[in-house]
């Protein structure tokens, strides 16, 4: 009752606010921390309520894909599934495809559930699907999260995998989908229905067509016209240069903070974003947290900055760039 009542309601509110642009990732992450504490408190009661020797409905391996640290939805889905008789193996966040596949095999899983909130997670889910196909797996592959969708699943994930691929809209649907997929009587019809639905999506998208590309000759004619009067002088010290321990405090002054905020899905350019009417408060709090973290990183020397740079003469040759590593040697670089 606690999980499917107030916790589920709370998660839905967070999802609605995030989807409508009234809540941003920093608050979502803080909500996830609160959710983790609630789940950790409830798990002992769930385990105690299980009957000795009882067999679950099925086993599900769940993971937030590599590159993504958001797990509020995954945590709730896992607990809800456990409350409904499923055995859940939660691999946590930032999980690479190799670990997901290995865990599914080791645990004799009935299905895999992938979670992700940020846009790059969509590509990572496709990678997981491709690697599952390469491994000869056919178990159901579920996906869910703020950026996932039925359209993406139909266009990208499903074609990359031979087994059933299902997009789960929200946590409240997870139990129904999982129960159907382990049912001897309902599974086949459900899988066929989902496949037909996704095929309709693909056909609809294919009929929209694509913008025509310019002919190659016209594209070349539109190429950049360089003012050779602005040509840079030859390098004073050409060749390879290595830097084994660059001062972190110096690097700090060169950080471009705009991509940082975009990674947290806060729209705006730095520093104007700090005073933005919509996201300013969230952006300011996030920026202050980042500065405090940078202070510790530099003071405690958490990192060693190493780099390498190469300076060589070069020139354009048709569609290529020719790089001269020595006065008489050239290398074609497309």
C-alpha atoms as a PDB file:
ATOM      1  CA  UNK A   1       0.000   0.000   0.000  1.00  0.00           C
ATOM      2  CA  UNK A   2       2.827   2.401   0.816  1.00  0.00           C
ATOM      3  CA  UNK A   3       4.664   1.694  -2.439  1.00  0.00           C
ATOM      4  CA  UNK A   4       1.686   1.633  -4.787  1.00  0.00           C
ATOM      5  CA  UNK A   5       0.040   4.543  -2.960  1.00  0.00           C
ATOM      6  CA  UNK A   6       2.048   7.578  -1.768  1.00  0.00           C
ATOM      7  CA  UNK A   7       5.412   6.539  -3.258  1.00  0.00           C
ATOM      8  CA  UNK A   8       3.889   5.903  -6.670  1.00  0.00           C
ATOM      9  CA  UNK A   9       1.898   9.145  -6.412  1.00  0.00           C
ATOM     10  CA  UNK A  10       5.053  11.033  -5.509  1.00  0.00           C
ATOM     11  CA  UNK A  11       6.977   9.551  -8.414  1.00  0.00           C
ATOM     12  CA  UNK A  12       4.168  10.461 -10.795  1.00  0.00           C
ATOM     13  CA  UNK A  13       4.191  14.063  -9.533  1.00  0.00           C
ATOM     14  CA  UNK A  14       7.950  14.258 -10.094  1.00  0.00           C
ATOM     15  CA  UNK A  15       7.514  12.824 -13.591  1.00  0.00           C
ATOM     16  CA  UNK A  16       4.704  15.249 -14.432  1.00  0.00           C
ATOM     17  CA  UNK A  17       6.615  18.268 -13.161  1.00  0.00           C
ATOM     18  CA  UNK A  18       9.772  17.229 -14.993  1.00  0.00           C
ATOM     19  CA  UNK A  19       7.834  16.563 -18.196  1.00  0.00           C
ATOM     20  CA  UNK A  20       6.117  19.945 -18.049  1.00  0.00           C
ATOM     21  CA  UNK A  21       9.339  21.863 -17.412  1.00  0.00           C
ATOM     22  CA  UNK A  22       8.437  22.830 -13.838  1.00  0.00           C
ATOM     23  CA  UNK A  23      11.063  20.590 -12.241  1.00  0.00           C
ATOM     24  CA  UNK A  24      14.647  20.055 -13.402  1.00  0.00           C
ATOM     25  CA  UNK A  25      17.228  17.306 -13.099  1.00  0.00           C
ATOM     26  CA  UNK A  26      18.919  18.602  -9.940  1.00  0.00           C
ATOM     27  CA  UNK A  27      15.585  18.341  -8.075  1.00  0.00           C
ATOM     28  CA  UNK A  28      14.897  14.967  -9.688  1.00  0.00           C
ATOM     29  CA  UNK A  29      18.206  13.642  -8.373  1.00  0.00           C
ATOM     30  CA  UNK A  30      17.399  14.906  -4.879  1.00  0.00           C
ATOM     31  CA  UNK A  31      14.000  13.209  -5.144  1.00  0.00           C
ATOM     32  CA  UNK A  32      15.793  10.006  -6.098  1.00  0.00           C
ATOM     33  CA  UNK A  33      17.866  10.179  -2.905  1.00  0.00           C
ATOM     34  CA  UNK A  34      14.709  10.480  -0.825  1.00  0.00           C
ATOM     35  CA  UNK A  35      13.169   7.585  -2.747  1.00  0.00           C
ATOM     36  CA  UNK A  36      16.221   5.417  -2.136  1.00  0.00           C
ATOM     37  CA  UNK A  37      15.911   5.956   1.605  1.00  0.00           C
ATOM     38  CA  UNK A  38      12.230   5.033   1.509  1.00  0.00           C
ATOM     39  CA  UNK A  39      12.887   1.910  -0.523  1.00  0.00           C
ATOM     40  CA  UNK A  40      15.758   0.861   1.743  1.00  0.00           C
ATOM     41  CA  UNK A  41      13.412   1.151   4.734  1.00  0.00           C
ATOM     42  CA  UNK A  42      10.687  -0.926   3.068  1.00  0.00           C
ATOM     43  CA  UNK A  43      12.804  -3.734   1.623  1.00  0.00           C
ATOM     44  CA  UNK A  44      13.286  -5.631   4.931  1.00  0.00           C
ATOM     45  CA  UNK A  45       9.500  -5.722   5.386  1.00  0.00           C
ATOM     46  CA  UNK A  46       9.043  -7.004   1.841  1.00  0.00           C
ATOM     47  CA  UNK A  47      11.585  -9.762   2.368  1.00  0.00           C
ATOM     48  CA  UNK A  48      10.028 -10.736   5.703  1.00  0.00           C
ATOM     49  CA  UNK A  49       6.598 -11.021   4.121  1.00  0.00           C
ATOM     50  CA  UNK A  50       7.754 -13.568   1.540  1.00  0.00           C
ATOM     51  CA  UNK A  51       6.697 -17.152   2.196  1.00  0.00           C
ATOM     52  CA  UNK A  52       9.652 -19.541   2.757  1.00  0.00           C
ATOM     53  CA  UNK A  53      10.496 -21.407  -0.439  1.00  0.00           C
ATOM     54  CA  UNK A  54       8.059 -19.374  -2.522  1.00  0.00           C
ATOM     55  CA  UNK A  55       9.000 -19.070  -6.180  1.00  0.00           C
ATOM     56  CA  UNK A  56       8.635 -15.726  -7.909  1.00  0.00           C
ATOM     57  CA  UNK A  57       6.614 -15.096 -11.037  1.00  0.00           C
ATOM     58  CA  UNK A  58       9.804 -14.447 -12.950  1.00  0.00           C
ATOM     59  CA  UNK A  59      13.258 -12.913 -12.711  1.00  0.00           C
ATOM     60  CA  UNK A  60      14.071  -9.496 -14.129  1.00  0.00           C
ATOM     61  CA  UNK A  61      17.517  -7.925 -14.486  1.00  0.00           C
ATOM     62  CA  UNK A  62      17.230  -4.143 -14.315  1.00  0.00           C
ATOM     63  CA  UNK A  63      19.841  -1.466 -14.956  1.00  0.00           C
ATOM     64  CA  UNK A  64      20.283   2.207 -15.738  1.00  0.00           C
ATOM     65  CA  UNK A  65      22.417   2.152 -18.878  1.00  0.00           C
ATOM     66  CA  UNK A  66      26.007   3.349 -19.177  1.00  0.00           C
ATOM     67  CA  UNK A  67      26.370   7.133 -19.052  1.00  0.00           C
ATOM     68  CA  UNK A  68      23.230   7.678 -16.984  1.00  0.00           C
ATOM     69  CA  UNK A  69      22.973   7.988 -13.192  1.00  0.00           C
ATOM     70  CA  UNK A  70      19.231   8.495 -12.816  1.00  0.00           C
ATOM     71  CA  UNK A  71      17.353   5.670 -11.137  1.00  0.00           C
ATOM     72  CA  UNK A  72      14.319   7.090  -9.347  1.00  0.00           C
ATOM     73  CA  UNK A  73      11.883   5.391 -11.718  1.00  0.00           C
ATOM     74  CA  UNK A  74      13.878   2.169 -11.860  1.00  0.00           C
ATOM     75  CA  UNK A  75      13.955   1.924  -8.071  1.00  0.00           C
ATOM     76  CA  UNK A  76      10.199   2.282  -7.811  1.00  0.00           C
ATOM     77  CA  UNK A  77       9.570  -0.197 -10.635  1.00  0.00           C
ATOM     78  CA  UNK A  78      11.860  -2.705  -8.945  1.00  0.00           C
ATOM     79  CA  UNK A  79      10.088  -2.475  -5.622  1.00  0.00           C
ATOM     80  CA  UNK A  80       6.630  -2.628  -7.225  1.00  0.00           C
ATOM     81  CA  UNK A  81       7.645  -5.741  -9.168  1.00  0.00           C
ATOM     82  CA  UNK A  82       9.001  -7.356  -6.015  1.00  0.00           C
ATOM     83  CA  UNK A  83       5.734  -6.639  -4.237  1.00  0.00           C
ATOM     84  CA  UNK A  84       3.955  -8.435  -7.063  1.00  0.00           C
ATOM     85  CA  UNK A  85       5.991 -11.607  -6.853  1.00  0.00           C
ATOM     86  CA  UNK A  86       8.907 -10.962  -9.222  1.00  0.00           C
ATOM     87  CA  UNK A  87      12.557 -11.527  -8.383  1.00  0.00           C
ATOM     88  CA  UNK A  88      14.503  -8.388  -9.296  1.00  0.00           C
ATOM     89  CA  UNK A  89      18.253  -8.147  -9.849  1.00  0.00           C
ATOM     90  CA  UNK A  90      19.071  -4.432  -9.773  1.00  0.00           C
ATOM     91  CA  UNK A  91      22.513  -3.686 -11.248  1.00  0.00           C
ATOM     92  CA  UNK A  92      22.376   0.010 -10.331  1.00  0.00           C
ATOM     93  CA  UNK A  93      23.422   2.906 -12.577  1.00  0.00           C
ATOM     94  CA  UNK A  94      26.043   3.480 -15.288  1.00  0.00           C
ATOM     95  CA  UNK A  95      25.911  -0.196 -16.264  1.00  0.00           C
ATOM     96  CA  UNK A  96      27.679  -1.243 -19.506  1.00  0.00           C
ATOM     97  CA  UNK A  97      26.005  -3.676 -21.900  1.00  0.00           C
ATOM     98  CA  UNK A  98      28.518  -6.425 -21.140  1.00  0.00           C
ATOM     99  CA  UNK A  99      27.581  -6.469 -17.444  1.00  0.00           C
ATOM    100  CA  UNK A 100      23.857  -6.445 -18.254  1.00  0.00           C
ATOM    101  CA  UNK A 101      24.142  -9.456 -20.566  1.00  0.00           C
ATOM    102  CA  UNK A 102      26.408 -11.328 -18.154  1.00  0.00           C
ATOM    103  CA  UNK A 103      23.986 -10.753 -15.259  1.00  0.00           C
ATOM    104  CA  UNK A 104      21.032 -11.944 -17.343  1.00  0.00           C
ATOM    105  CA  UNK A 105      22.848 -15.164 -18.183  1.00  0.00           C
ATOM    106  CA  UNK A 106      24.167 -15.748 -14.670  1.00  0.00           C
ATOM    107  CA  UNK A 107      20.753 -15.221 -13.092  1.00  0.00           C
ATOM    108  CA  UNK A 108      18.784 -17.115 -15.763  1.00  0.00           C
ATOM    109  CA  UNK A 109      16.630 -13.995 -16.203  1.00  0.00           C
ATOM    110  CA  UNK A 110      13.249 -14.028 -17.890  1.00  0.00           C
ATOM    111  CA  UNK A 111      13.631 -10.466 -19.156  1.00  0.00           C
ATOM    112  CA  UNK A 112      15.826  -7.360 -19.022  1.00  0.00           C
ATOM    113  CA  UNK A 113      14.659  -3.863 -18.089  1.00  0.00           C
ATOM    114  CA  UNK A 114      16.665  -0.806 -19.175  1.00  0.00           C
ATOM    115  CA  UNK A 115      16.257   2.625 -17.638  1.00  0.00           C
ATOM    116  CA  UNK A 116      17.495   6.019 -18.760  1.00  0.00           C
ATOM    117  CA  UNK A 117      16.614   9.670 -18.365  1.00  0.00           C
ATOM    118  CA  UNK A 118      19.057  11.603 -20.547  1.00  0.00           C
ATOM    119  CA  UNK A 119      19.067  11.616 -24.347  1.00  0.00           C
ATOM    120  CA  UNK A 120      22.398   9.741 -24.865  1.00  0.00           C
ATOM    121  CA  UNK A 121      20.831   6.800 -23.016  1.00  0.00           C
ATOM    122  CA  UNK A 122      18.659   6.173 -26.078  1.00  0.00           C
ATOM    123  CA  UNK A 123      21.707   5.262 -28.165  1.00  0.00           C
ATOM    124  CA  UNK A 124      23.090   3.130 -25.353  1.00  0.00           C
ATOM    125  CA  UNK A 125      19.845   1.163 -25.221  1.00  0.00           C
ATOM    126  CA  UNK A 126      20.202   0.435 -28.937  1.00  0.00           C
ATOM    127  CA  UNK A 127      23.732  -0.800 -28.241  1.00  0.00           C
ATOM    128  CA  UNK A 128      22.422  -3.161 -25.563  1.00  0.00           C
ATOM    129  CA  UNK A 129      19.826  -4.489 -28.010  1.00  0.00           C
ATOM    130  CA  UNK A 130      22.459  -5.028 -30.708  1.00  0.00           C
ATOM    131  CA  UNK A 131      24.771  -6.855 -28.323  1.00  0.00           C
ATOM    132  CA  UNK A 132      21.921  -9.034 -27.034  1.00  0.00           C
ATOM    133  CA  UNK A 133      21.174 -10.013 -30.624  1.00  0.00           C
ATOM    134  CA  UNK A 134      24.860 -10.723 -31.221  1.00  0.00           C
ATOM    135  CA  UNK A 135      24.818 -12.974 -28.155  1.00  0.00           C
ATOM    136  CA  UNK A 136      21.833 -14.911 -29.523  1.00  0.00           C
ATOM    137  CA  UNK A 137      19.450 -13.766 -26.782  1.00  0.00           C
ATOM    138  CA  UNK A 138      15.681 -13.611 -27.374  1.00  0.00           C
ATOM    139  CA  UNK A 139      14.264 -12.750 -23.925  1.00  0.00           C
ATOM    140  CA  UNK A 140      11.982  -9.681 -23.687  1.00  0.00           C
ATOM    141  CA  UNK A 141      13.810  -6.342 -23.523  1.00  0.00           C
ATOM    142  CA  UNK A 142      11.909  -3.602 -21.701  1.00  0.00           C
ATOM    143  CA  UNK A 143      12.846   0.070 -21.598  1.00  0.00           C
ATOM    144  CA  UNK A 144      11.546   3.112 -19.768  1.00  0.00           C
ATOM    145  CA  UNK A 145      12.520   6.578 -18.606  1.00  0.00           C
ATOM    146  CA  UNK A 146      11.864  10.227 -19.321  1.00  0.00           C
ATOM    147  CA  UNK A 147      13.441  10.338 -22.794  1.00  0.00           C
ATOM    148  CA  UNK A 148      12.291   6.898 -23.950  1.00  0.00           C
ATOM    149  CA  UNK A 149       9.227   6.484 -26.137  1.00  0.00           C
ATOM    150  CA  UNK A 150       7.210   4.032 -28.158  1.00  0.00           C
ATOM    151  CA  UNK A 151       8.449   5.734 -31.334  1.00  0.00           C
ATOM    152  CA  UNK A 152      12.132   5.365 -30.423  1.00  0.00           C
ATOM    153  CA  UNK A 153      11.576   1.756 -29.411  1.00  0.00           C
ATOM    154  CA  UNK A 154       9.815   1.027 -32.704  1.00  0.00           C
ATOM    155  CA  UNK A 155      12.353   2.817 -34.906  1.00  0.00           C
ATOM    156  CA  UNK A 156      15.646   2.035 -33.190  1.00  0.00           C
ATOM    157  CA  UNK A 157      15.515  -0.650 -30.513  1.00  0.00           C
ATOM    158  CA  UNK A 158      13.083  -3.165 -31.986  1.00  0.00           C
ATOM    159  CA  UNK A 159      14.841  -3.454 -35.390  1.00  0.00           C
ATOM    160  CA  UNK A 160      18.159  -4.024 -33.596  1.00  0.00           C
ATOM    161  CA  UNK A 161      16.933  -7.049 -31.625  1.00  0.00           C
ATOM    162  CA  UNK A 162      15.301 -10.378 -32.510  1.00  0.00           C
ATOM    163  CA  UNK A 163      13.380 -10.780 -29.243  1.00  0.00           C
ATOM    164  CA  UNK A 164      10.386  -8.761 -27.996  1.00  0.00           C
ATOM    165  CA  UNK A 165      11.143  -5.078 -27.343  1.00  0.00           C
ATOM    166  CA  UNK A 166       8.612  -3.210 -25.238  1.00  0.00           C
ATOM    167  CA  UNK A 167       8.465   0.403 -24.130  1.00  0.00           C
ATOM    168  CA  UNK A 168       6.938   0.721 -20.643  1.00  0.00           C
ATOM    169  CA  UNK A 169       5.287   4.113 -20.357  1.00  0.00           C
ATOM    170  CA  UNK A 170       5.513   4.465 -16.563  1.00  0.00           C
ATOM    171  CA  UNK A 171       5.971   2.481 -13.368  1.00  0.00           C
ATOM    172  CA  UNK A 172       2.272   1.790 -13.009  1.00  0.00           C
ATOM    173  CA  UNK A 173       2.352  -0.267 -16.250  1.00  0.00           C
ATOM    174  CA  UNK A 174       5.425  -2.338 -15.382  1.00  0.00           C
ATOM    175  CA  UNK A 175       3.654  -5.081 -13.428  1.00  0.00           C
ATOM    176  CA  UNK A 176       1.036  -5.631 -16.123  1.00  0.00           C
ATOM    177  CA  UNK A 177       3.642  -5.814 -18.890  1.00  0.00           C
ATOM    178  CA  UNK A 178       5.949  -8.128 -16.952  1.00  0.00           C
ATOM    179  CA  UNK A 179       3.096 -10.402 -15.864  1.00  0.00           C
ATOM    180  CA  UNK A 180       1.892 -10.745 -19.455  1.00  0.00           C
ATOM    181  CA  UNK A 181       5.381 -11.545 -20.718  1.00  0.00           C
ATOM    182  CA  UNK A 182       5.763 -14.490 -18.307  1.00  0.00           C
ATOM    183  CA  UNK A 183       2.244 -15.794 -18.953  1.00  0.00           C
ATOM    184  CA  UNK A 184       1.982 -19.032 -20.930  1.00  0.00           C
ATOM    185  CA  UNK A 185      -1.427 -18.028 -22.298  1.00  0.00           C
ATOM    186  CA  UNK A 186      -1.060 -14.286 -22.912  1.00  0.00           C
ATOM    187  CA  UNK A 187       2.564 -13.794 -23.912  1.00  0.00           C
ATOM    188  CA  UNK A 188       2.457 -14.724 -27.611  1.00  0.00           C
ATOM    189  CA  UNK A 189      -0.613 -12.644 -28.436  1.00  0.00           C
ATOM    190  CA  UNK A 190       0.790  -9.658 -26.530  1.00  0.00           C
ATOM    191  CA  UNK A 191       4.176  -9.859 -28.270  1.00  0.00           C
ATOM    192  CA  UNK A 192       2.509 -10.083 -31.686  1.00  0.00           C
ATOM    193  CA  UNK A 193       0.287  -7.117 -30.835  1.00  0.00           C
ATOM    194  CA  UNK A 194       3.237  -4.965 -29.774  1.00  0.00           C
ATOM    195  CA  UNK A 195       5.215  -5.941 -32.885  1.00  0.00           C
ATOM    196  CA  UNK A 196       2.286  -5.008 -35.143  1.00  0.00           C
ATOM    197  CA  UNK A 197       1.856  -1.691 -33.331  1.00  0.00           C
ATOM    198  CA  UNK A 198       5.547  -0.851 -33.758  1.00  0.00           C
ATOM    199  CA  UNK A 199       5.434  -1.819 -37.436  1.00  0.00           C
ATOM    200  CA  UNK A 200       2.616   0.714 -37.937  1.00  0.00           C
ATOM    201  CA  UNK A 201       4.827   3.358 -36.321  1.00  0.00           C
ATOM    202  CA  UNK A 202       7.694   2.516 -38.682  1.00  0.00           C
ATOM    203  CA  UNK A 203       5.441   2.645 -41.739  1.00  0.00           C
ATOM    204  CA  UNK A 204       3.968   5.991 -40.675  1.00  0.00           C
ATOM    205  CA  UNK A 205       7.446   7.447 -40.187  1.00  0.00           C
ATOM    206  CA  UNK A 206       8.724   6.041 -43.482  1.00  0.00           C
ATOM    207  CA  UNK A 207       5.905   7.745 -45.379  1.00  0.00           C
ATOM    208  CA  UNK A 208       6.930  11.146 -44.053  1.00  0.00           C
ATOM    209  CA  UNK A 209       9.897  11.153 -46.408  1.00  0.00           C
ATOM    210  CA  UNK A 210      13.252  12.896 -46.008  1.00  0.00           C
ATOM    211  CA  UNK A 211      14.728  16.185 -47.167  1.00  0.00           C
ATOM    212  CA  UNK A 212      16.665  15.911 -50.421  1.00  0.00           C
ATOM    213  CA  UNK A 213      20.425  16.296 -50.212  1.00  0.00           C
ATOM    214  CA  UNK A 214      22.310  18.741 -52.418  1.00  0.00           C
ATOM    215  CA  UNK A 215      24.332  17.352 -55.337  1.00  0.00           C
ATOM    216  CA  UNK A 216      27.999  16.912 -54.402  1.00  0.00           C
ATOM    217  CA  UNK A 217      29.158  19.552 -56.890  1.00  0.00           C
ATOM    218  CA  UNK A 218      26.813  22.157 -55.419  1.00  0.00           C
ATOM    219  CA  UNK A 219      27.866  21.258 -51.865  1.00  0.00           C
ATOM    220  CA  UNK A 220      31.501  21.726 -52.856  1.00  0.00           C
ATOM    221  CA  UNK A 221      30.661  25.074 -54.473  1.00  0.00           C
ATOM    222  CA  UNK A 222      29.234  26.208 -51.160  1.00  0.00           C
ATOM    223  CA  UNK A 223      32.426  25.268 -49.309  1.00  0.00           C
ATOM    224  CA  UNK A 224      34.274  27.672 -47.036  1.00  0.00           C
ATOM    225  CA  UNK A 225      36.249  30.358 -48.848  1.00  0.00           C
ATOM    226  CA  UNK A 226      39.338  31.077 -46.768  1.00  0.00           C
ATOM    227  CA  UNK A 227      41.013  34.492 -46.692  1.00  0.00           C
ATOM    228  CA  UNK A 228      44.680  33.511 -46.964  1.00  0.00           C
ATOM    229  CA  UNK A 229      45.658  36.883 -45.506  1.00  0.00           C
ATOM    230  CA  UNK A 230      44.432  35.454 -42.193  1.00  0.00           C
ATOM    231  CA  UNK A 231      46.630  32.372 -42.483  1.00  0.00           C
ATOM    232  CA  UNK A 232      48.325  31.478 -39.201  1.00  0.00           C
ATOM    233  CA  UNK A 233      52.136  31.654 -39.102  1.00  0.00           C
ATOM    234  CA  UNK A 234      54.141  28.420 -38.946  1.00  0.00           C
ATOM    235  CA  UNK A 235      54.424  26.816 -35.520  1.00  0.00           C
ATOM    236  CA  UNK A 236      57.479  27.950 -33.590  1.00  0.00           C
ATOM    237  CA  UNK A 237      57.914  24.388 -32.285  1.00  0.00           C
ATOM    238  CA  UNK A 238      56.193  21.940 -34.650  1.00  0.00           C
ATOM    239  CA  UNK A 239      55.593  18.333 -33.724  1.00  0.00           C
ATOM    240  CA  UNK A 240      54.166  16.511 -30.706  1.00  0.00           C
ATOM    241  CA  UNK A 241      53.965  18.210 -27.295  1.00  0.00           C
ATOM    242  CA  UNK A 242      53.176  16.357 -24.053  1.00  0.00           C
ATOM    243  CA  UNK A 243      51.900  17.834 -20.811  1.00  0.00           C
ATOM    244  CA  UNK A 244      52.133  15.418 -17.874  1.00  0.00           C
ATOM    245  CA  UNK A 245      50.688  17.475 -15.005  1.00  0.00           C
ATOM    246  CA  UNK A 246      48.861  20.652 -15.977  1.00  0.00           C
ATOM    247  CA  UNK A 247      47.707  22.897 -13.146  1.00  0.00           C
ATOM    248  CA  UNK A 248      44.053  22.111 -12.398  1.00  0.00           C
ATOM    249  CA  UNK A 249      43.445  25.622 -11.094  1.00  0.00           C
ATOM    250  CA  UNK A 250      44.535  26.984 -14.469  1.00  0.00           C
ATOM    251  CA  UNK A 251      42.243  24.594 -16.358  1.00  0.00           C
ATOM    252  CA  UNK A 252      39.331  25.640 -14.192  1.00  0.00           C
ATOM    253  CA  UNK A 253      39.299  29.104 -15.704  1.00  0.00           C
ATOM    254  CA  UNK A 254      38.739  27.606 -19.169  1.00  0.00           C
ATOM    255  CA  UNK A 255      35.649  25.538 -18.337  1.00  0.00           C
ATOM    256  CA  UNK A 256      32.710  26.211 -20.617  1.00  0.00           C
ATOM    257  CA  UNK A 257      29.768  25.872 -18.236  1.00  0.00           C
ATOM    258  CA  UNK A 258      27.012  25.982 -20.860  1.00  0.00           C
ATOM    259  CA  UNK A 259      27.376  22.271 -21.839  1.00  0.00           C
ATOM    260  CA  UNK A 260      27.431  21.426 -18.123  1.00  0.00           C
ATOM    261  CA  UNK A 261      23.976  22.914 -17.657  1.00  0.00           C
ATOM    262  CA  UNK A 262      22.718  21.306 -20.853  1.00  0.00           C
ATOM    263  CA  UNK A 263      23.869  17.920 -19.575  1.00  0.00           C
ATOM    264  CA  UNK A 264      21.540  18.560 -16.640  1.00  0.00           C
ATOM    265  CA  UNK A 265      18.876  19.546 -19.186  1.00  0.00           C
ATOM    266  CA  UNK A 266      18.802  23.176 -18.040  1.00  0.00           C
ATOM    267  CA  UNK A 267      18.362  25.356 -21.135  1.00  0.00           C
ATOM    268  CA  UNK A 268      20.346  28.570 -21.353  1.00  0.00           C
ATOM    269  CA  UNK A 269      23.820  30.037 -21.790  1.00  0.00           C
ATOM    270  CA  UNK A 270      26.248  30.727 -18.962  1.00  0.00           C
ATOM    271  CA  UNK A 271      26.295  33.099 -17.082  1.00  0.00           C
ATOM    272  CA  UNK A 272      22.861  34.409 -18.089  1.00  0.00           C
ATOM    273  CA  UNK A 273      21.286  31.107 -17.052  1.00  0.00           C
ATOM    274  CA  UNK A 274      22.031  31.892 -13.393  1.00  0.00           C
ATOM    275  CA  UNK A 275      19.490  34.708 -13.442  1.00  0.00           C
ATOM    276  CA  UNK A 276      16.964  33.099 -15.792  1.00  0.00           C
ATOM    277  CA  UNK A 277      13.377  33.508 -14.597  1.00  0.00           C
ATOM    278  CA  UNK A 278      12.547  29.834 -15.138  1.00  0.00           C
ATOM    279  CA  UNK A 279      15.690  27.820 -14.399  1.00  0.00           C
ATOM    280  CA  UNK A 280      17.842  30.432 -12.641  1.00  0.00           C
ATOM    281  CA  UNK A 281      17.315  29.131  -9.119  1.00  0.00           C
ATOM    282  CA  UNK A 282      18.072  25.519 -10.080  1.00  0.00           C
ATOM    283  CA  UNK A 283      21.043  26.554 -12.208  1.00  0.00           C
ATOM    284  CA  UNK A 284      22.534  28.680  -9.417  1.00  0.00           C
ATOM    285  CA  UNK A 285      22.254  25.870  -6.889  1.00  0.00           C
ATOM    286  CA  UNK A 286      23.819  23.424  -9.329  1.00  0.00           C
ATOM    287  CA  UNK A 287      26.641  25.836 -10.153  1.00  0.00           C
ATOM    288  CA  UNK A 288      27.418  26.390  -6.464  1.00  0.00           C
ATOM    289  CA  UNK A 289      27.545  22.634  -5.885  1.00  0.00           C
ATOM    290  CA  UNK A 290      29.908  22.281  -8.850  1.00  0.00           C
ATOM    291  CA  UNK A 291      32.205  25.017  -7.530  1.00  0.00           C
ATOM    292  CA  UNK A 292      32.375  23.326  -4.129  1.00  0.00           C
ATOM    293  CA  UNK A 293      33.253  20.042  -5.816  1.00  0.00           C
ATOM    294  CA  UNK A 294      35.946  21.734  -7.938  1.00  0.00           C
ATOM    295  CA  UNK A 295      37.438  23.315  -4.813  1.00  0.00           C
ATOM    296  CA  UNK A 296      37.853  19.846  -3.282  1.00  0.00           C
ATOM    297  CA  UNK A 297      39.169  18.306  -6.512  1.00  0.00           C
ATOM    298  CA  UNK A 298      41.894  20.959  -6.790  1.00  0.00           C
ATOM    299  CA  UNK A 299      42.771  21.184  -3.091  1.00  0.00           C
ATOM    300  CA  UNK A 300      42.983  17.411  -2.618  1.00  0.00           C
ATOM    301  CA  UNK A 301      44.485  16.733  -6.077  1.00  0.00           C
ATOM    302  CA  UNK A 302      41.888  14.129  -7.038  1.00  0.00           C
ATOM    303  CA  UNK A 303      42.953  14.278 -10.669  1.00  0.00           C
ATOM    304  CA  UNK A 304      46.115  14.621 -12.735  1.00  0.00           C
ATOM    305  CA  UNK A 305      45.579  16.498 -15.971  1.00  0.00           C
ATOM    306  CA  UNK A 306      47.616  15.096 -18.826  1.00  0.00           C
ATOM    307  CA  UNK A 307      47.461  16.137 -22.448  1.00  0.00           C
ATOM    308  CA  UNK A 308      49.094  15.871 -25.826  1.00  0.00           C
ATOM    309  CA  UNK A 309      49.010  18.222 -28.809  1.00  0.00           C
ATOM    310  CA  UNK A 310      50.439  18.088 -32.304  1.00  0.00           C
ATOM    311  CA  UNK A 311      51.336  21.090 -34.475  1.00  0.00           C
ATOM    312  CA  UNK A 312      51.994  20.435 -38.172  1.00  0.00           C
ATOM    313  CA  UNK A 313      51.777  22.291 -41.451  1.00  0.00           C
ATOM    314  CA  UNK A 314      48.802  21.291 -43.588  1.00  0.00           C
ATOM    315  CA  UNK A 315      46.748  22.336 -46.605  1.00  0.00           C
ATOM    316  CA  UNK A 316      43.501  21.496 -48.348  1.00  0.00           C
ATOM    317  CA  UNK A 317      43.559  19.181 -51.350  1.00  0.00           C
ATOM    318  CA  UNK A 318      40.083  18.816 -52.887  1.00  0.00           C
ATOM    319  CA  UNK A 319      37.941  17.236 -50.126  1.00  0.00           C
ATOM    320  CA  UNK A 320      40.948  16.184 -48.043  1.00  0.00           C
ATOM    321  CA  UNK A 321      43.441  17.810 -45.685  1.00  0.00           C
ATOM    322  CA  UNK A 322      47.087  16.967 -46.247  1.00  0.00           C
ATOM    323  CA  UNK A 323      49.177  17.070 -43.075  1.00  0.00           C
ATOM    324  CA  UNK A 324      52.954  17.452 -43.335  1.00  0.00           C
ATOM    325  CA  UNK A 325      54.765  15.710 -40.493  1.00  0.00           C
ATOM    326  CA  UNK A 326      58.071  16.575 -42.153  1.00  0.00           C
ATOM    327  CA  UNK A 327      58.966  19.026 -44.885  1.00  0.00           C
ATOM    328  CA  UNK A 328      58.924  16.318 -47.553  1.00  0.00           C
ATOM    329  CA  UNK A 329      56.261  13.933 -46.171  1.00  0.00           C
ATOM    330  CA  UNK A 330      52.508  14.351 -46.406  1.00  0.00           C
ATOM    331  CA  UNK A 331      49.602  12.276 -45.024  1.00  0.00           C
ATOM    332  CA  UNK A 332      46.061  12.376 -46.382  1.00  0.00           C
ATOM    333  CA  UNK A 333      43.381  13.016 -43.753  1.00  0.00           C
ATOM    334  CA  UNK A 334      39.761  12.729 -44.997  1.00  0.00           C
END
